[in-house]
Amino acid sequence: MAETQTVEIRDIPYIDAHGAEHTLAEFEGKAVLVVNVASKCGLTPQYEQLEQLQRTYGERGLQVIGFPCNQFMGQEPGSMEEILDFCSTTYGVTFPVMDKIRVNGSHAAPLYKALKKAKNAEGARGPVKWNFEKFLLTPTGEVHRFRPQTRPDDPEVITAIEASLSA
């Protein structure tokens, strides 16, 4: 189900919505749920569940991070200002939303190139299938991968989060 990755994933830089560089190492000791998000997708209501995960588990050590991506049928066409406004006003998002990225192809963000090496529950790895694919990076460096249709409040996701927080 989970595949151990090197902790080097935490050292891969990415850019936030305001142009500053960060790494997941800033969340040392925390579980980090990385999700490629889009505001004009049938799965967009998952923002609500992602925010609920942040509110429920944030104090226990979970950090949700959204990475807007416009690679799937142009479902994230807005500017960063529009994306951030949509997230906060429509879904009350408080977790960080980063700069828009590519998750597949030769210009995929380095963080996603590394995350896509993880297998999902069926043992498949490779390209991100659609918006709202989820990667849970545990404090010990394991990566759990959940396909887009797996809701953030699905028991499989909750079990993985809780196990990573109790470790």
C-alpha atoms as a PDB file:
ATOM      1  CA  MET A   1       0.000   0.000   0.000  1.00  0.00           C
ATOM      2  CA  ALA A   2       2.681   2.509   0.953  1.00  0.00           C
ATOM      3  CA  GLU A   3       6.132   2.726  -0.479  1.00  0.00           C
ATOM      4  CA  THR A   4       9.102   4.056   1.408  1.00  0.00           C
ATOM      5  CA  GLN A   5      10.708   7.026  -0.319  1.00  0.00           C
ATOM      6  CA  THR A   6      13.856   8.771   0.695  1.00  0.00           C
ATOM      7  CA  VAL A   7      13.293  11.821   2.836  1.00  0.00           C
ATOM      8  CA  GLU A   8      14.894  13.785  -0.011  1.00  0.00           C
ATOM      9  CA  ILE A   9      11.364  14.601  -1.189  1.00  0.00           C
ATOM     10  CA  ARG A  10      11.206  17.020   1.725  1.00  0.00           C
ATOM     11  CA  ASP A  11      14.205  18.911   0.283  1.00  0.00           C
ATOM     12  CA  ILE A  12      12.752  19.549  -3.205  1.00  0.00           C
ATOM     13  CA  PRO A  13      11.966  23.259  -3.640  1.00  0.00           C
ATOM     14  CA  TYR A  14       8.615  24.615  -4.786  1.00  0.00           C
ATOM     15  CA  ILE A  15       7.181  28.125  -5.073  1.00  0.00           C
ATOM     16  CA  ASP A  16       4.291  29.518  -3.042  1.00  0.00           C
ATOM     17  CA  ALA A  17       1.495  31.722  -4.385  1.00  0.00           C
ATOM     18  CA  HIS A  18       3.561  34.843  -3.658  1.00  0.00           C
ATOM     19  CA  GLY A  19       6.771  33.703  -5.394  1.00  0.00           C
ATOM     20  CA  ALA A  20       8.755  32.560  -2.337  1.00  0.00           C
ATOM     21  CA  GLU A  21      10.649  29.260  -2.400  1.00  0.00           C
ATOM     22  CA  HIS A  22       9.864  26.549   0.170  1.00  0.00           C
ATOM     23  CA  THR A  23      10.452  22.861   0.822  1.00  0.00           C
ATOM     24  CA  LEU A  24       8.470  20.257   2.707  1.00  0.00           C
ATOM     25  CA  ALA A  25      11.366  20.162   5.195  1.00  0.00           C
ATOM     26  CA  GLU A  26       9.626  23.163   6.782  1.00  0.00           C
ATOM     27  CA  PHE A  27       7.062  20.646   8.026  1.00  0.00           C
ATOM     28  CA  GLU A  28       9.596  18.342   9.682  1.00  0.00           C
ATOM     29  CA  GLY A  29       7.867  15.868  11.983  1.00  0.00           C
ATOM     30  CA  LYS A  30       4.497  16.472  10.334  1.00  0.00           C
ATOM     31  CA  ALA A  31       2.440  14.470   7.904  1.00  0.00           C
ATOM     32  CA  VAL A  32       1.919  16.453   4.703  1.00  0.00           C
ATOM     33  CA  LEU A  33      -0.996  15.884   2.330  1.00  0.00           C
ATOM     34  CA  VAL A  34      -0.039  17.239  -1.108  1.00  0.00           C
ATOM     35  CA  VAL A  35      -2.946  17.672  -3.546  1.00  0.00           C
ATOM     36  CA  ASN A  36      -3.121  19.039  -7.088  1.00  0.00           C
ATOM     37  CA  VAL A  37      -6.234  21.214  -7.059  1.00  0.00           C
ATOM     38  CA  ALA A  38      -8.503  22.959  -9.571  1.00  0.00           C
ATOM     39  CA  SER A  39     -11.443  25.302  -9.132  1.00  0.00           C
ATOM     40  CA  LYS A  40     -13.530  24.316 -12.171  1.00  0.00           C
ATOM     41  CA  CYS A  41     -13.552  20.537 -11.765  1.00  0.00           C
ATOM     42  CA  GLY A  42     -16.297  18.127 -10.771  1.00  0.00           C
ATOM     43  CA  LEU A  43     -14.055  17.149  -7.846  1.00  0.00           C
ATOM     44  CA  THR A  44     -13.615  20.758  -6.638  1.00  0.00           C
ATOM     45  CA  PRO A  45     -15.958  20.177  -3.647  1.00  0.00           C
ATOM     46  CA  GLN A  46     -13.091  18.092  -2.213  1.00  0.00           C
ATOM     47  CA  TYR A  47     -11.683  21.449  -1.081  1.00  0.00           C
ATOM     48  CA  GLU A  48     -14.283  21.314   1.700  1.00  0.00           C
ATOM     49  CA  GLN A  49     -13.073  17.917   2.918  1.00  0.00           C
ATOM     50  CA  LEU A  50      -9.420  18.944   2.607  1.00  0.00           C
ATOM     51  CA  GLU A  51     -10.115  21.986   4.784  1.00  0.00           C
ATOM     52  CA  GLN A  52     -11.930  19.770   7.293  1.00  0.00           C
ATOM     53  CA  LEU A  53      -8.881  17.471   7.451  1.00  0.00           C
ATOM     54  CA  GLN A  54      -6.678  20.505   8.123  1.00  0.00           C
ATOM     55  CA  ARG A  55      -8.985  21.701  10.901  1.00  0.00           C
ATOM     56  CA  THR A  56      -9.402  18.250  12.432  1.00  0.00           C
ATOM     57  CA  TYR A  57      -5.796  17.035  12.287  1.00  0.00           C
ATOM     58  CA  GLY A  58      -3.718  20.208  11.971  1.00  0.00           C
ATOM     59  CA  GLU A  59      -2.995  20.500  15.684  1.00  0.00           C
ATOM     60  CA  ARG A  60      -1.961  16.841  15.725  1.00  0.00           C
ATOM     61  CA  GLY A  61       0.592  17.369  12.959  1.00  0.00           C
ATOM     62  CA  LEU A  62      -1.116  17.239   9.554  1.00  0.00           C
ATOM     63  CA  GLN A  63      -0.437  19.902   6.944  1.00  0.00           C
ATOM     64  CA  VAL A  64      -2.549  20.020   3.772  1.00  0.00           C
ATOM     65  CA  ILE A  65      -0.948  21.831   0.807  1.00  0.00           C
ATOM     66  CA  GLY A  66      -2.727  22.593  -2.465  1.00  0.00           C
ATOM     67  CA  PHE A  67      -0.936  22.906  -5.790  1.00  0.00           C
ATOM     68  CA  PRO A  68      -3.178  24.413  -8.484  1.00  0.00           C
ATOM     69  CA  CYS A  69      -2.788  22.726 -11.846  1.00  0.00           C
ATOM     70  CA  ASN A  70      -4.354  23.601 -15.198  1.00  0.00           C
ATOM     71  CA  GLN A  71      -3.258  20.441 -17.050  1.00  0.00           C
ATOM     72  CA  PHE A  72      -6.588  18.625 -16.954  1.00  0.00           C
ATOM     73  CA  MET A  73      -9.022  20.161 -19.460  1.00  0.00           C
ATOM     74  CA  GLY A  74      -8.032  23.685 -18.406  1.00  0.00           C
ATOM     75  CA  GLN A  75      -9.922  23.428 -15.117  1.00  0.00           C
ATOM     76  CA  GLU A  76      -7.656  25.892 -13.256  1.00  0.00           C
ATOM     77  CA  PRO A  77      -7.414  28.810 -15.710  1.00  0.00           C
ATOM     78  CA  GLY A  78      -7.381  31.693 -13.233  1.00  0.00           C
ATOM     79  CA  SER A  79      -4.579  33.879 -11.969  1.00  0.00           C
ATOM     80  CA  MET A  80      -3.122  33.133  -8.544  1.00  0.00           C
ATOM     81  CA  GLU A  81      -5.130  36.026  -7.107  1.00  0.00           C
ATOM     82  CA  GLU A  82      -8.338  34.549  -8.536  1.00  0.00           C
ATOM     83  CA  ILE A  83      -7.454  31.057  -7.297  1.00  0.00           C
ATOM     84  CA  LEU A  84      -6.686  32.243  -3.763  1.00  0.00           C
ATOM     85  CA  ASP A  85      -9.871  34.331  -3.675  1.00  0.00           C
ATOM     86  CA  PHE A  86     -11.949  31.369  -4.881  1.00  0.00           C
ATOM     87  CA  CYS A  87     -10.428  29.011  -2.303  1.00  0.00           C
ATOM     88  CA  SER A  88     -10.980  31.347   0.627  1.00  0.00           C
ATOM     89  CA  THR A  89     -14.419  32.717  -0.274  1.00  0.00           C
ATOM     90  CA  THR A  90     -16.003  29.522  -1.657  1.00  0.00           C
ATOM     91  CA  TYR A  91     -14.519  26.882   0.652  1.00  0.00           C
ATOM     92  CA  GLY A  92     -12.954  28.824   3.530  1.00  0.00           C
ATOM     93  CA  VAL A  93      -9.552  27.313   2.748  1.00  0.00           C
ATOM     94  CA  THR A  94      -6.928  28.113   5.378  1.00  0.00           C
ATOM     95  CA  PHE A  95      -4.259  25.626   4.295  1.00  0.00           C
ATOM     96  CA  PRO A  96      -1.542  26.960   1.975  1.00  0.00           C
ATOM     97  CA  VAL A  97      -2.194  27.054  -1.752  1.00  0.00           C
ATOM     98  CA  MET A  98       1.025  27.215  -3.751  1.00  0.00           C
ATOM     99  CA  ASP A  99       1.864  28.607  -7.185  1.00  0.00           C
ATOM    100  CA  LYS A 100       0.291  26.935 -10.205  1.00  0.00           C
ATOM    101  CA  ILE A 101       2.340  23.975 -11.427  1.00  0.00           C
ATOM    102  CA  ARG A 102       2.440  21.153 -13.945  1.00  0.00           C
ATOM    103  CA  VAL A 103       2.184  17.660 -12.480  1.00  0.00           C
ATOM    104  CA  ASN A 104       2.794  15.571 -15.616  1.00  0.00           C
ATOM    105  CA  GLY A 105       5.048  15.713 -18.634  1.00  0.00           C
ATOM    106  CA  SER A 106       8.585  16.904 -19.166  1.00  0.00           C
ATOM    107  CA  HIS A 107       7.870  20.219 -17.419  1.00  0.00           C
ATOM    108  CA  ALA A 108       6.326  18.645 -14.316  1.00  0.00           C
ATOM    109  CA  ALA A 109       7.330  20.231 -11.027  1.00  0.00           C
ATOM    110  CA  PRO A 110      10.283  18.379  -9.435  1.00  0.00           C
ATOM    111  CA  LEU A 111       8.207  17.640  -6.318  1.00  0.00           C
ATOM    112  CA  TYR A 112       5.607  15.858  -8.433  1.00  0.00           C
ATOM    113  CA  LYS A 113       8.263  13.989 -10.421  1.00  0.00           C
ATOM    114  CA  ALA A 114       9.373  12.487  -7.104  1.00  0.00           C
ATOM    115  CA  LEU A 115       5.884  11.908  -5.675  1.00  0.00           C
ATOM    116  CA  LYS A 116       4.681  10.057  -8.792  1.00  0.00           C
ATOM    117  CA  LYS A 117       7.164   7.271  -8.059  1.00  0.00           C
ATOM    118  CA  ALA A 118       4.902   6.194  -5.178  1.00  0.00           C
ATOM    119  CA  LYS A 119       2.400   3.403  -5.789  1.00  0.00           C
ATOM    120  CA  ASN A 120      -1.299   3.700  -5.045  1.00  0.00           C
ATOM    121  CA  ALA A 121      -3.337   1.002  -3.246  1.00  0.00           C
ATOM    122  CA  GLU A 122      -3.542  -1.031  -6.481  1.00  0.00           C
ATOM    123  CA  GLY A 123       0.235  -0.930  -6.898  1.00  0.00           C
ATOM    124  CA  ALA A 124       0.159   1.532  -9.805  1.00  0.00           C
ATOM    125  CA  ARG A 125       2.556   4.434 -10.089  1.00  0.00           C
ATOM    126  CA  GLY A 126       3.123   6.974 -12.825  1.00  0.00           C
ATOM    127  CA  PRO A 127       1.289  10.045 -14.085  1.00  0.00           C
ATOM    128  CA  VAL A 128      -1.263  11.923 -12.032  1.00  0.00           C
ATOM    129  CA  LYS A 129      -4.647  10.847 -13.401  1.00  0.00           C
ATOM    130  CA  TRP A 130      -6.667  14.019 -12.751  1.00  0.00           C
ATOM    131  CA  ASN A 131      -7.211  16.919 -10.386  1.00  0.00           C
ATOM    132  CA  PHE A 132      -7.267  16.131  -6.653  1.00  0.00           C
ATOM    133  CA  GLU A 133      -4.815  13.227  -6.642  1.00  0.00           C
ATOM    134  CA  LYS A 134      -3.499  13.027  -3.081  1.00  0.00           C
ATOM    135  CA  PHE A 135      -0.053  12.155  -1.729  1.00  0.00           C
ATOM    136  CA  LEU A 136       0.386  11.716   2.024  1.00  0.00           C
ATOM    137  CA  LEU A 137       4.020  12.064   3.052  1.00  0.00           C
ATOM    138  CA  THR A 138       4.445  10.658   6.541  1.00  0.00           C
ATOM    139  CA  PRO A 139       6.970  11.955   9.086  1.00  0.00           C
ATOM    140  CA  THR A 140       8.992   8.774   8.483  1.00  0.00           C
ATOM    141  CA  GLY A 141       9.183   9.348   4.710  1.00  0.00           C
ATOM    142  CA  GLU A 142       6.535   6.928   3.455  1.00  0.00           C
ATOM    143  CA  VAL A 143       4.298   8.140   0.643  1.00  0.00           C
ATOM    144  CA  HIS A 144       0.676   7.010   0.430  1.00  0.00           C
ATOM    145  CA  ARG A 145      -1.017   7.781  -2.877  1.00  0.00           C
ATOM    146  CA  PHE A 146      -4.744   8.200  -3.368  1.00  0.00           C
ATOM    147  CA  ARG A 147      -6.365   8.630  -6.761  1.00  0.00           C
ATOM    148  CA  PRO A 148      -8.597  11.650  -7.466  1.00  0.00           C
ATOM    149  CA  GLN A 149     -11.918   9.899  -6.896  1.00  0.00           C
ATOM    150  CA  THR A 150     -10.835   8.872  -3.396  1.00  0.00           C
ATOM    151  CA  ARG A 151     -12.382  11.560  -1.239  1.00  0.00           C
ATOM    152  CA  PRO A 152     -10.226  13.202   1.446  1.00  0.00           C
ATOM    153  CA  ASP A 153     -12.642  11.884   4.106  1.00  0.00           C
ATOM    154  CA  ASP A 154     -12.539   8.309   2.762  1.00  0.00           C
ATOM    155  CA  PRO A 155     -11.743   5.800   5.545  1.00  0.00           C
ATOM    156  CA  GLU A 156      -8.585   4.719   3.668  1.00  0.00           C
ATOM    157  CA  VAL A 157      -7.255   8.292   3.749  1.00  0.00           C
ATOM    158  CA  ILE A 158      -8.289   8.873   7.370  1.00  0.00           C
ATOM    159  CA  THR A 159      -6.641   5.605   8.469  1.00  0.00           C
ATOM    160  CA  ALA A 160      -3.370   6.560   6.743  1.00  0.00           C
ATOM    161  CA  ILE A 161      -3.442  10.043   8.285  1.00  0.00           C
ATOM    162  CA  GLU A 162      -4.153   8.767  11.778  1.00  0.00           C
ATOM    163  CA  ALA A 163      -1.444   6.095  11.508  1.00  0.00           C
ATOM    164  CA  SER A 164       1.103   8.695  10.400  1.00  0.00           C
ATOM    165  CA  LEU A 165       0.197  11.005  13.284  1.00  0.00           C
ATOM    166  CA  SER A 166       0.474   8.308  15.932  1.00  0.00           C
ATOM    167  CA  ALA A 167       3.854   7.089  14.730  1.00  0.00           C
END
